[in-house]
C-alpha cells in the first residue's frame, strides 16, 4: 500500500475484522490473488467445509467494515454476482459521524 493511503487505519480495521478464521482467509486470498473476487470464487478457493452462505456473510461483514470494496456486479442466471477487492483507499474507520439531534 502506497500513495496517500493511511496504512495504520487500514490494518487496524483489518485486525478488528480478522477475529474470525474465514475473514482472515478472505483477506489473505485477496492479497495473494490480487484481483477482484466474488464469494463464489472465494468458496472455490477455500476448503470444502466452508459453505457459500458463510463466505458471503463474512465478505459482507468485511465490506461493511470498509476492508473490502465492491468493484463490479454482473448478472448470472437470474442472480447478481458481486466482485470485491481490498479497499486501497481506507477512510476513517474508527470515527463515527456526529449524531443529529
PDB file of N, CA and C in Angstrom:
ATOM      1  N   UNK A   1       0.841  -1.167   0.000  1.00  0.00           N
ATOM      2  CA  UNK A   1       0.000   0.000   0.000  1.00  0.00           C
ATOM      3  C   UNK A   1       0.885   1.228   0.000  1.00  0.00           C
ATOM      4  N   UNK A   2       0.632   2.089  -0.951  1.00  0.00           N
ATOM      5  CA  UNK A   2       1.436   3.291  -1.033  1.00  0.00           C
ATOM      6  C   UNK A   2       0.521   4.468  -1.298  1.00  0.00           C
ATOM      7  N   UNK A   3       1.044   5.473  -1.930  1.00  0.00           N
ATOM      8  CA  UNK A   3       0.319   6.696  -2.219  1.00  0.00           C
ATOM      9  C   UNK A   3      -0.028   7.400  -0.906  1.00  0.00           C
ATOM     10  N   UNK A   4      -1.205   7.990  -0.858  1.00  0.00           N
ATOM     11  CA  UNK A   4      -1.638   8.738   0.328  1.00  0.00           C
ATOM     12  C   UNK A   4      -2.546   7.913   1.220  1.00  0.00           C
ATOM     13  N   UNK A   5      -2.388   6.641   1.223  1.00  0.00           N
ATOM     14  CA  UNK A   5      -3.256   5.761   1.999  1.00  0.00           C
ATOM     15  C   UNK A   5      -2.749   5.665   3.430  1.00  0.00           C
ATOM     16  N   UNK A   6      -3.649   5.637   4.353  1.00  0.00           N
ATOM     17  CA  UNK A   6      -3.276   5.525   5.753  1.00  0.00           C
ATOM     18  C   UNK A   6      -3.235   4.055   6.135  1.00  0.00           C
ATOM     19  N   UNK A   7      -2.047   3.477   6.087  1.00  0.00           N
ATOM     20  CA  UNK A   7      -1.893   2.046   6.336  1.00  0.00           C
ATOM     21  C   UNK A   7      -2.256   1.663   7.763  1.00  0.00           C
ATOM     22  N   UNK A   8      -1.973   2.517   8.727  1.00  0.00           N
ATOM     23  CA  UNK A   8      -2.286   2.190  10.121  1.00  0.00           C
ATOM     24  C   UNK A   8      -3.793   2.034  10.308  1.00  0.00           C
ATOM     25  N   UNK A   9      -4.569   2.923   9.731  1.00  0.00           N
ATOM     26  CA  UNK A   9      -6.030   2.826   9.833  1.00  0.00           C
ATOM     27  C   UNK A   9      -6.527   1.567   9.130  1.00  0.00           C
ATOM     28  N   UNK A  10      -5.986   1.311   7.941  1.00  0.00           N
ATOM     29  CA  UNK A  10      -6.411   0.130   7.189  1.00  0.00           C
ATOM     30  C   UNK A  10      -6.136  -1.141   7.980  1.00  0.00           C
ATOM     31  N   UNK A  11      -4.904  -1.305   8.451  1.00  0.00           N
ATOM     32  CA  UNK A  11      -4.552  -2.537   9.148  1.00  0.00           C
ATOM     33  C   UNK A  11      -5.227  -2.623  10.503  1.00  0.00           C
ATOM     34  N   UNK A  12      -5.556  -1.494  11.119  1.00  0.00           N
ATOM     35  CA  UNK A  12      -6.335  -1.513  12.351  1.00  0.00           C
ATOM     36  C   UNK A  12      -7.720  -2.087  12.105  1.00  0.00           C
ATOM     37  N   UNK A  13      -8.338  -1.666  11.002  1.00  0.00           N
ATOM     38  CA  UNK A  13      -9.659  -2.195  10.647  1.00  0.00           C
ATOM     39  C   UNK A  13      -9.566  -3.665  10.276  1.00  0.00           C
ATOM     40  N   UNK A  14      -8.525  -4.036   9.569  1.00  0.00           N
ATOM     41  CA  UNK A  14      -8.336  -5.438   9.198  1.00  0.00           C
ATOM     42  C   UNK A  14      -8.174  -6.284  10.459  1.00  0.00           C
ATOM     43  N   UNK A  15      -7.344  -5.820  11.395  1.00  0.00           N
ATOM     44  CA  UNK A  15      -7.124  -6.584  12.626  1.00  0.00           C
ATOM     45  C   UNK A  15      -8.429  -6.791  13.385  1.00  0.00           C
ATOM     46  N   UNK A  16      -9.259  -5.757  13.448  1.00  0.00           N
ATOM     47  CA  UNK A  16     -10.540  -5.874  14.153  1.00  0.00           C
ATOM     48  C   UNK A  16     -11.459  -6.879  13.469  1.00  0.00           C
ATOM     49  N   UNK A  17     -11.360  -6.977  12.158  1.00  0.00           N
ATOM     50  CA  UNK A  17     -12.231  -7.885  11.402  1.00  0.00           C
ATOM     51  C   UNK A  17     -11.718  -9.313  11.352  1.00  0.00           C
ATOM     52  N   UNK A  18     -10.454  -9.511  11.609  1.00  0.00           N
ATOM     53  CA  UNK A  18      -9.852 -10.828  11.401  1.00  0.00           C
ATOM     54  C   UNK A  18      -9.967 -11.761  12.596  1.00  0.00           C
ATOM     55  N   UNK A  19     -10.880 -11.472  13.482  1.00  0.00           N
ATOM     56  CA  UNK A  19     -11.059 -12.348  14.630  1.00  0.00           C
ATOM     57  C   UNK A  19     -11.732 -13.654  14.243  1.00  0.00           C
ATOM     58  N   UNK A  20     -12.153 -13.758  13.010  1.00  0.00           N
ATOM     59  CA  UNK A  20     -12.781 -14.978  12.527  1.00  0.00           C
ATOM     60  C   UNK A  20     -11.887 -15.595  11.455  1.00  0.00           C
ATOM     61  N   UNK A  21     -11.643 -16.920  11.490  1.00  0.00           N
ATOM     62  CA  UNK A  21     -10.717 -17.540  10.533  1.00  0.00           C
ATOM     63  C   UNK A  21     -11.128 -17.403   9.073  1.00  0.00           C
ATOM     64  N   UNK A  22     -12.425 -17.401   8.778  1.00  0.00           N
ATOM     65  CA  UNK A  22     -12.840 -17.251   7.375  1.00  0.00           C
ATOM     66  C   UNK A  22     -12.521 -15.846   6.881  1.00  0.00           C
ATOM     67  N   UNK A  23     -12.681 -14.838   7.730  1.00  0.00           N
ATOM     68  CA  UNK A  23     -12.345 -13.464   7.321  1.00  0.00           C
ATOM     69  C   UNK A  23     -10.855 -13.340   7.045  1.00  0.00           C
ATOM     70  N   UNK A  24     -10.051 -13.990   7.851  1.00  0.00           N
ATOM     71  CA  UNK A  24      -8.604 -13.989   7.631  1.00  0.00           C
ATOM     72  C   UNK A  24      -8.278 -14.640   6.287  1.00  0.00           C
ATOM     73  N   UNK A  25      -8.928 -15.768   5.992  1.00  0.00           N
ATOM     74  CA  UNK A  25      -8.713 -16.438   4.707  1.00  0.00           C
ATOM     75  C   UNK A  25      -9.112 -15.540   3.541  1.00  0.00           C
ATOM     76  N   UNK A  26     -10.205 -14.809   3.692  1.00  0.00           N
ATOM     77  CA  UNK A  26     -10.679 -13.921   2.619  1.00  0.00           C
ATOM     78  C   UNK A  26      -9.643 -12.841   2.336  1.00  0.00           C
ATOM     79  N   UNK A  27      -9.153 -12.179   3.392  1.00  0.00           N
ATOM     80  CA  UNK A  27      -8.161 -11.111   3.199  1.00  0.00           C
ATOM     81  C   UNK A  27      -6.869 -11.681   2.630  1.00  0.00           C
ATOM     82  N   UNK A  28      -6.439 -12.836   3.113  1.00  0.00           N
ATOM     83  CA  UNK A  28      -5.226 -13.460   2.563  1.00  0.00           C
ATOM     84  C   UNK A  28      -5.396 -13.784   1.084  1.00  0.00           C
ATOM     85  N   UNK A  29      -6.547 -14.321   0.712  1.00  0.00           N
ATOM     86  CA  UNK A  29      -6.798 -14.643  -0.697  1.00  0.00           C
ATOM     87  C   UNK A  29      -6.775 -13.379  -1.544  1.00  0.00           C
ATOM     88  N   UNK A  30      -7.383 -12.319  -1.044  1.00  0.00           N
ATOM     89  CA  UNK A  30      -7.402 -11.055  -1.786  1.00  0.00           C
ATOM     90  C   UNK A  30      -5.987 -10.507  -1.973  1.00  0.00           C
ATOM     91  N   UNK A  31      -5.158 -10.645  -0.946  1.00  0.00           N
ATOM     92  CA  UNK A  31      -3.773 -10.167  -1.042  1.00  0.00           C
ATOM     93  C   UNK A  31      -2.966 -10.989  -2.036  1.00  0.00           C
ATOM     94  N   UNK A  32      -3.101 -12.309  -1.977  1.00  0.00           N
ATOM     95  CA  UNK A  32      -2.287 -13.183  -2.819  1.00  0.00           C
ATOM     96  C   UNK A  32      -2.751 -13.220  -4.264  1.00  0.00           C
ATOM     97  N   UNK A  33      -4.046 -13.236  -4.482  1.00  0.00           N
ATOM     98  CA  UNK A  33      -4.559 -13.357  -5.848  1.00  0.00           C
ATOM     99  C   UNK A  33      -4.538 -12.012  -6.558  1.00  0.00           C
ATOM    100  N   UNK A  34      -4.713 -10.926  -5.812  1.00  0.00           N
ATOM    101  CA  UNK A  34      -4.543  -9.561  -6.324  1.00  0.00           C
ATOM    102  C   UNK A  34      -5.414  -9.246  -7.535  1.00  0.00           C
ATOM    103  N   UNK A  35      -6.671  -9.663  -7.470  1.00  0.00           N
ATOM    104  CA  UNK A  35      -7.666  -9.267  -8.466  1.00  0.00           C
ATOM    105  C   UNK A  35      -9.027  -9.357  -7.796  1.00  0.00           C
ATOM    106  N   UNK A  36     -10.022  -8.664  -8.309  1.00  0.00           N
ATOM    107  CA  UNK A  36     -11.352  -8.755  -7.699  1.00  0.00           C
ATOM    108  C   UNK A  36     -11.865 -10.188  -7.684  1.00  0.00           C
ATOM    109  N   UNK A  37     -12.476 -10.576  -6.565  1.00  0.00           N
ATOM    110  CA  UNK A  37     -13.011 -11.924  -6.394  1.00  0.00           C
ATOM    111  C   UNK A  37     -14.445 -11.844  -5.881  1.00  0.00           C
ATOM    112  N   UNK A  38     -15.235 -12.826  -6.261  1.00  0.00           N
ATOM    113  CA  UNK A  38     -16.602 -12.925  -5.764  1.00  0.00           C
ATOM    114  C   UNK A  38     -16.636 -13.971  -4.647  1.00  0.00           C
ATOM    115  N   UNK A  39     -17.681 -13.954  -3.820  1.00  0.00           N
ATOM    116  CA  UNK A  39     -17.808 -15.001  -2.807  1.00  0.00           C
ATOM    117  C   UNK A  39     -17.822 -16.407  -3.410  1.00  0.00           C
ATOM    118  N   UNK A  40     -18.370 -16.556  -4.600  1.00  0.00           N
ATOM    119  CA  UNK A  40     -18.371 -17.873  -5.265  1.00  0.00           C
ATOM    120  C   UNK A  40     -16.931 -18.323  -5.528  1.00  0.00           C
ATOM    121  N   UNK A  41     -16.114 -17.421  -6.055  1.00  0.00           N
ATOM    122  CA  UNK A  41     -14.711 -17.757  -6.321  1.00  0.00           C
ATOM    123  C   UNK A  41     -13.962 -18.048  -5.021  1.00  0.00           C
ATOM    124  N   UNK A  42     -14.217 -17.246  -3.995  1.00  0.00           N
ATOM    125  CA  UNK A  42     -13.555 -17.468  -2.710  1.00  0.00           C
ATOM    126  C   UNK A  42     -13.926 -18.826  -2.121  1.00  0.00           C
ATOM    127  N   UNK A  43     -15.194 -19.198  -2.241  1.00  0.00           N
ATOM    128  CA  UNK A  43     -15.635 -20.500  -1.734  1.00  0.00           C
ATOM    129  C   UNK A  43     -14.888 -21.624  -2.454  1.00  0.00           C
ATOM    130  N   UNK A  44     -14.658 -21.465  -3.742  1.00  0.00           N
ATOM    131  CA  UNK A  44     -13.915 -22.463  -4.508  1.00  0.00           C
ATOM    132  C   UNK A  44     -12.456 -22.567  -4.088  1.00  0.00           C
ATOM    133  N   UNK A  45     -11.902 -21.475  -3.592  1.00  0.00           N
ATOM    134  CA  UNK A  45     -10.512 -21.455  -3.156  1.00  0.00           C
ATOM    135  C   UNK A  45     -10.350 -22.131  -1.801  1.00  0.00           C
ATOM    136  N   UNK A  46     -11.333 -21.941  -0.932  1.00  0.00           N
ATOM    137  CA  UNK A  46     -11.252 -22.460   0.430  1.00  0.00           C
ATOM    138  C   UNK A  46     -11.610 -23.934   0.478  1.00  0.00           C
ATOM    139  N   UNK A  47     -11.483 -24.490   1.661  1.00  0.00           N
ATOM    140  CA  UNK A  47     -11.807 -25.901   1.841  1.00  0.00           C
ATOM    141  C   UNK A  47     -13.284 -26.151   1.589  1.00  0.00           C
ATOM    142  N   UNK A  48     -13.609 -27.379   1.334  1.00  0.00           N
ATOM    143  CA  UNK A  48     -14.984 -27.755   1.014  1.00  0.00           C
ATOM    144  C   UNK A  48     -15.923 -27.584   2.205  1.00  0.00           C
ATOM    145  N   UNK A  49     -15.386 -27.394   3.399  1.00  0.00           N
ATOM    146  CA  UNK A  49     -16.243 -27.255   4.574  1.00  0.00           C
ATOM    147  C   UNK A  49     -16.842 -25.860   4.699  1.00  0.00           C
ATOM    148  N   UNK A  50     -16.280 -24.880   4.005  1.00  0.00           N
ATOM    149  CA  UNK A  50     -16.800 -23.518   4.072  1.00  0.00           C
ATOM    150  C   UNK A  50     -17.966 -23.376   3.096  1.00  0.00           C
ATOM    151  N   UNK A  51     -19.151 -23.167   3.628  1.00  0.00           N
ATOM    152  CA  UNK A  51     -20.343 -23.037   2.796  1.00  0.00           C
ATOM    153  C   UNK A  51     -20.365 -21.667   2.131  1.00  0.00           C
ATOM    154  N   UNK A  52     -20.975 -21.620   0.966  1.00  0.00           N
ATOM    155  CA  UNK A  52     -21.103 -20.370   0.220  1.00  0.00           C
ATOM    156  C   UNK A  52     -21.776 -19.289   1.067  1.00  0.00           C
ATOM    157  N   UNK A  53     -22.816 -19.655   1.813  1.00  0.00           N
ATOM    158  CA  UNK A  53     -23.525 -18.664   2.631  1.00  0.00           C
ATOM    159  C   UNK A  53     -22.628 -18.081   3.716  1.00  0.00           C
ATOM    160  N   UNK A  54     -21.761 -18.901   4.284  1.00  0.00           N
ATOM    161  CA  UNK A  54     -20.841 -18.432   5.317  1.00  0.00           C
ATOM    162  C   UNK A  54     -19.803 -17.471   4.729  1.00  0.00           C
ATOM    163  N   UNK A  55     -19.232 -17.826   3.602  1.00  0.00           N
ATOM    164  CA  UNK A  55     -18.246 -16.961   2.950  1.00  0.00           C
ATOM    165  C   UNK A  55     -18.911 -15.642   2.550  1.00  0.00           C
ATOM    166  N   UNK A  56     -20.105 -15.705   1.984  1.00  0.00           N
ATOM    167  CA  UNK A  56     -20.830 -14.485   1.592  1.00  0.00           C
ATOM    168  C   UNK A  56     -21.080 -13.585   2.788  1.00  0.00           C
ATOM    169  N   UNK A  57     -21.474 -14.184   3.902  1.00  0.00           N
ATOM    170  CA  UNK A  57     -21.731 -13.411   5.118  1.00  0.00           C
ATOM    171  C   UNK A  57     -20.469 -12.669   5.561  1.00  0.00           C
ATOM    172  N   UNK A  58     -19.338 -13.358   5.584  1.00  0.00           N
ATOM    173  CA  UNK A  58     -18.105 -12.739   6.054  1.00  0.00           C
ATOM    174  C   UNK A  58     -17.558 -11.716   5.060  1.00  0.00           C
ATOM    175  N   UNK A  59     -17.755 -11.935   3.780  1.00  0.00           N
ATOM    176  CA  UNK A  59     -17.388 -10.923   2.776  1.00  0.00           C
ATOM    177  C   UNK A  59     -18.220  -9.673   3.015  1.00  0.00           C
ATOM    178  N   UNK A  60     -19.491  -9.857   3.300  1.00  0.00           N
ATOM    179  CA  UNK A  60     -20.389  -8.740   3.589  1.00  0.00           C
ATOM    180  C   UNK A  60     -19.920  -7.957   4.815  1.00  0.00           C
ATOM    181  N   UNK A  61     -19.516  -8.667   5.851  1.00  0.00           N
ATOM    182  CA  UNK A  61     -19.004  -8.007   7.066  1.00  0.00           C
ATOM    183  C   UNK A  61     -17.745  -7.194   6.762  1.00  0.00           C
ATOM    184  N   UNK A  62     -16.850  -7.771   5.990  1.00  0.00           N
ATOM    185  CA  UNK A  62     -15.625  -7.058   5.616  1.00  0.00           C
ATOM    186  C   UNK A  62     -15.935  -5.844   4.742  1.00  0.00           C
ATOM    187  N   UNK A  63     -16.942  -5.950   3.912  1.00  0.00           N
ATOM    188  CA  UNK A  63     -17.351  -4.828   3.069  1.00  0.00           C
ATOM    189  C   UNK A  63     -17.947  -3.705   3.925  1.00  0.00           C
ATOM    190  N   UNK A  64     -18.809  -4.069   4.870  1.00  0.00           N
ATOM    191  CA  UNK A  64     -19.396  -3.059   5.768  1.00  0.00           C
ATOM    192  C   UNK A  64     -18.323  -2.385   6.619  1.00  0.00           C
ATOM    193  N   UNK A  65     -17.269  -3.099   6.945  1.00  0.00           N
ATOM    194  CA  UNK A  65     -16.163  -2.547   7.731  1.00  0.00           C
ATOM    195  C   UNK A  65     -15.184  -1.769   6.861  1.00  0.00           C
ATOM    196  N   UNK A  66     -15.456  -1.716   5.584  1.00  0.00           N
ATOM    197  CA  UNK A  66     -14.649  -0.983   4.593  1.00  0.00           C
ATOM    198  C   UNK A  66     -13.261  -1.575   4.388  1.00  0.00           C
ATOM    199  N   UNK A  67     -13.127  -2.854   4.644  1.00  0.00           N
ATOM    200  CA  UNK A  67     -11.878  -3.554   4.330  1.00  0.00           C
ATOM    201  C   UNK A  67     -11.932  -3.991   2.869  1.00  0.00           C
ATOM    202  N   UNK A  68     -13.119  -4.403   2.412  1.00  0.00           N
ATOM    203  CA  UNK A  68     -13.338  -4.761   1.010  1.00  0.00           C
ATOM    204  C   UNK A  68     -14.232  -3.724   0.364  1.00  0.00           C
ATOM    205  N   UNK A  69     -14.070  -3.590  -0.936  1.00  0.00           N
ATOM    206  CA  UNK A  69     -14.863  -2.636  -1.699  1.00  0.00           C
ATOM    207  C   UNK A  69     -15.465  -3.349  -2.908  1.00  0.00           C
ATOM    208  N   UNK A  70     -16.726  -3.059  -3.194  1.00  0.00           N
ATOM    209  CA  UNK A  70     -17.379  -3.611  -4.384  1.00  0.00           C
ATOM    210  C   UNK A  70     -16.775  -2.924  -5.610  1.00  0.00           C
ATOM    211  N   UNK A  71     -16.337  -3.739  -6.582  1.00  0.00           N
ATOM    212  CA  UNK A  71     -15.776  -3.158  -7.800  1.00  0.00           C
ATOM    213  C   UNK A  71     -16.651  -3.379  -9.022  1.00  0.00           C
ATOM    214  N   UNK A  72     -17.466  -4.431  -9.009  1.00  0.00           N
ATOM    215  CA  UNK A  72     -18.400  -4.633 -10.128  1.00  0.00           C
ATOM    216  C   UNK A  72     -19.428  -5.695  -9.773  1.00  0.00           C
ATOM    217  N   UNK A  73     -20.499  -5.665 -10.540  1.00  0.00           N
ATOM    218  CA  UNK A  73     -21.559  -6.667 -10.392  1.00  0.00           C
ATOM    219  C   UNK A  73     -21.921  -7.159 -11.786  1.00  0.00           C
ATOM    220  N   UNK A  74     -22.353  -8.420 -11.862  1.00  0.00           N
ATOM    221  CA  UNK A  74     -22.825  -8.941 -13.147  1.00  0.00           C
ATOM    222  C   UNK A  74     -23.962  -9.920 -12.895  1.00  0.00           C
ATOM    223  N   UNK A  75     -24.857  -9.991 -13.853  1.00  0.00           N
ATOM    224  CA  UNK A  75     -25.986 -10.899 -13.778  1.00  0.00           C
ATOM    225  C   UNK A  75     -25.534 -12.295 -14.196  1.00  0.00           C
ATOM    226  N   UNK A  76     -25.882 -13.280 -13.378  1.00  0.00           N
ATOM    227  CA  UNK A  76     -25.561 -14.673 -13.674  1.00  0.00           C
ATOM    228  C   UNK A  76     -26.795 -15.508 -13.361  1.00  0.00           C
ATOM    229  N   UNK A  77     -27.429 -16.042 -14.389  1.00  0.00           N
ATOM    230  CA  UNK A  77     -28.593 -16.919 -14.239  1.00  0.00           C
ATOM    231  C   UNK A  77     -29.616 -16.410 -13.225  1.00  0.00           C
ATOM    232  N   UNK A  78     -30.071 -15.200 -13.408  1.00  0.00           N
ATOM    233  CA  UNK A  78     -31.109 -14.645 -12.552  1.00  0.00           C
ATOM    234  C   UNK A  78     -30.630 -14.161 -11.196  1.00  0.00           C
ATOM    235  N   UNK A  79     -29.363 -14.126 -10.978  1.00  0.00           N
ATOM    236  CA  UNK A  79     -28.807 -13.662  -9.713  1.00  0.00           C
ATOM    237  C   UNK A  79     -27.703 -12.656 -10.014  1.00  0.00           C
ATOM    238  N   UNK A  80     -27.279 -11.915  -9.017  1.00  0.00           N
ATOM    239  CA  UNK A  80     -26.212 -10.933  -9.201  1.00  0.00           C
ATOM    240  C   UNK A  80     -24.950 -11.417  -8.507  1.00  0.00           C
ATOM    241  N   UNK A  81     -23.873 -11.493  -9.265  1.00  0.00           N
ATOM    242  CA  UNK A  81     -22.576 -11.867  -8.711  1.00  0.00           C
ATOM    243  C   UNK A  81     -21.801 -10.578  -8.463  1.00  0.00           C
ATOM    244  N   UNK A  82     -21.325 -10.402  -7.228  1.00  0.00           N
ATOM    245  CA  UNK A  82     -20.613  -9.188  -6.837  1.00  0.00           C
ATOM    246  C   UNK A  82     -19.138  -9.514  -6.650  1.00  0.00           C
ATOM    247  N   UNK A  83     -18.284  -8.643  -7.174  1.00  0.00           N
ATOM    248  CA  UNK A  83     -16.834  -8.817  -7.068  1.00  0.00           C
ATOM    249  C   UNK A  83     -16.270  -7.748  -6.142  1.00  0.00           C
ATOM    250  N   UNK A  84     -15.350  -8.171  -5.287  1.00  0.00           N
ATOM    251  CA  UNK A  84     -14.753  -7.299  -4.285  1.00  0.00           C
ATOM    252  C   UNK A  84     -13.240  -7.274  -4.435  1.00  0.00           C
ATOM    253  N   UNK A  85     -12.637  -6.229  -3.873  1.00  0.00           N
ATOM    254  CA  UNK A  85     -11.183  -6.171  -3.738  1.00  0.00           C
ATOM    255  C   UNK A  85     -10.885  -5.478  -2.419  1.00  0.00           C
ATOM    256  N   UNK A  86      -9.647  -5.577  -1.957  1.00  0.00           N
ATOM    257  CA  UNK A  86      -9.264  -4.844  -0.762  1.00  0.00           C
ATOM    258  C   UNK A  86      -9.390  -3.361  -1.065  1.00  0.00           C
ATOM    259  N   UNK A  87      -9.900  -2.613  -0.132  1.00  0.00           N
ATOM    260  CA  UNK A  87     -10.098  -1.182  -0.344  1.00  0.00           C
ATOM    261  C   UNK A  87      -8.749  -0.477  -0.289  1.00  0.00           C
ATOM    262  N   UNK A  88      -8.278   0.066  -1.413  1.00  0.00           N
ATOM    263  CA  UNK A  88      -6.954   0.685  -1.436  1.00  0.00           C
ATOM    264  C   UNK A  88      -6.921   2.080  -0.826  1.00  0.00           C
ATOM    265  N   UNK A  89      -8.084   2.652  -0.575  1.00  0.00           N
ATOM    266  CA  UNK A  89      -8.138   3.999  -0.014  1.00  0.00           C
ATOM    267  C   UNK A  89      -8.958   3.977   1.268  1.00  0.00           C
ATOM    268  N   UNK A  90      -8.372   3.458   2.333  1.00  0.00           N
ATOM    269  CA  UNK A  90      -9.126   3.385   3.575  1.00  0.00           C
ATOM    270  C   UNK A  90      -9.510   4.766   4.056  1.00  0.00           C
ATOM    271  N   UNK A  91     -10.672   4.826   4.655  1.00  0.00           N
ATOM    272  CA  UNK A  91     -11.167   6.070   5.213  1.00  0.00           C
ATOM    273  C   UNK A  91     -11.031   6.010   6.719  1.00  0.00           C
ATOM    274  N   UNK A  92     -11.576   6.946   7.390  1.00  0.00           N
ATOM    275  CA  UNK A  92     -11.518   6.964   8.843  1.00  0.00           C
ATOM    276  C   UNK A  92     -12.412   5.867   9.388  1.00  0.00           C
ATOM    277  N   UNK A  93     -11.828   4.801   9.888  1.00  0.00           N
ATOM    278  CA  UNK A  93     -12.590   3.646  10.329  1.00  0.00           C
ATOM    279  C   UNK A  93     -13.145   3.800  11.739  1.00  0.00           C
ATOM    280  N   UNK A  94     -12.412   4.464  12.604  1.00  0.00           N
ATOM    281  CA  UNK A  94     -12.801   4.499  13.995  1.00  0.00           C
ATOM    282  C   UNK A  94     -13.734   5.628  14.359  1.00  0.00           C
ATOM    283  N   UNK A  95     -13.929   6.582  13.493  1.00  0.00           N
ATOM    284  CA  UNK A  95     -14.734   7.750  13.820  1.00  0.00           C
ATOM    285  C   UNK A  95     -16.168   7.562  13.367  1.00  0.00           C
ATOM    286  N   UNK A  96     -17.061   7.986  14.196  1.00  0.00           N
ATOM    287  CA  UNK A  96     -18.469   7.967  13.839  1.00  0.00           C
ATOM    288  C   UNK A  96     -18.892   9.376  13.444  1.00  0.00           C
ATOM    289  N   UNK A  97     -19.845   9.482  12.535  1.00  0.00           N
ATOM    290  CA  UNK A  97     -20.336  10.818  12.204  1.00  0.00           C
ATOM    291  C   UNK A  97     -21.059  11.403  13.412  1.00  0.00           C
ATOM    292  N   UNK A  98     -21.087  12.728  13.529  1.00  0.00           N
ATOM    293  CA  UNK A  98     -21.777  13.333  14.670  1.00  0.00           C
ATOM    294  C   UNK A  98     -23.251  12.977  14.660  1.00  0.00           C
ATOM    295  N   UNK A  99     -23.800  12.787  15.859  1.00  0.00           N
ATOM    296  CA  UNK A  99     -25.219  12.460  15.967  1.00  0.00           C
ATOM    297  C   UNK A  99     -26.060  13.699  15.710  1.00  0.00           C
ATOM    298  N   UNK A 100     -27.145  13.473  15.007  1.00  0.00           N
ATOM    299  CA  UNK A 100     -28.074  14.576  14.770  1.00  0.00           C
ATOM    300  C   UNK A 100     -29.076  14.614  15.912  1.00  0.00           C
ATOM    301  N   UNK A 101     -29.416  15.795  16.322  1.00  0.00           N
ATOM    302  CA  UNK A 101     -30.384  15.937  17.421  1.00  0.00           C
ATOM    303  C   UNK A 101     -31.670  16.502  16.940  1.00  0.00           C
TER     304      UNK A 101
END
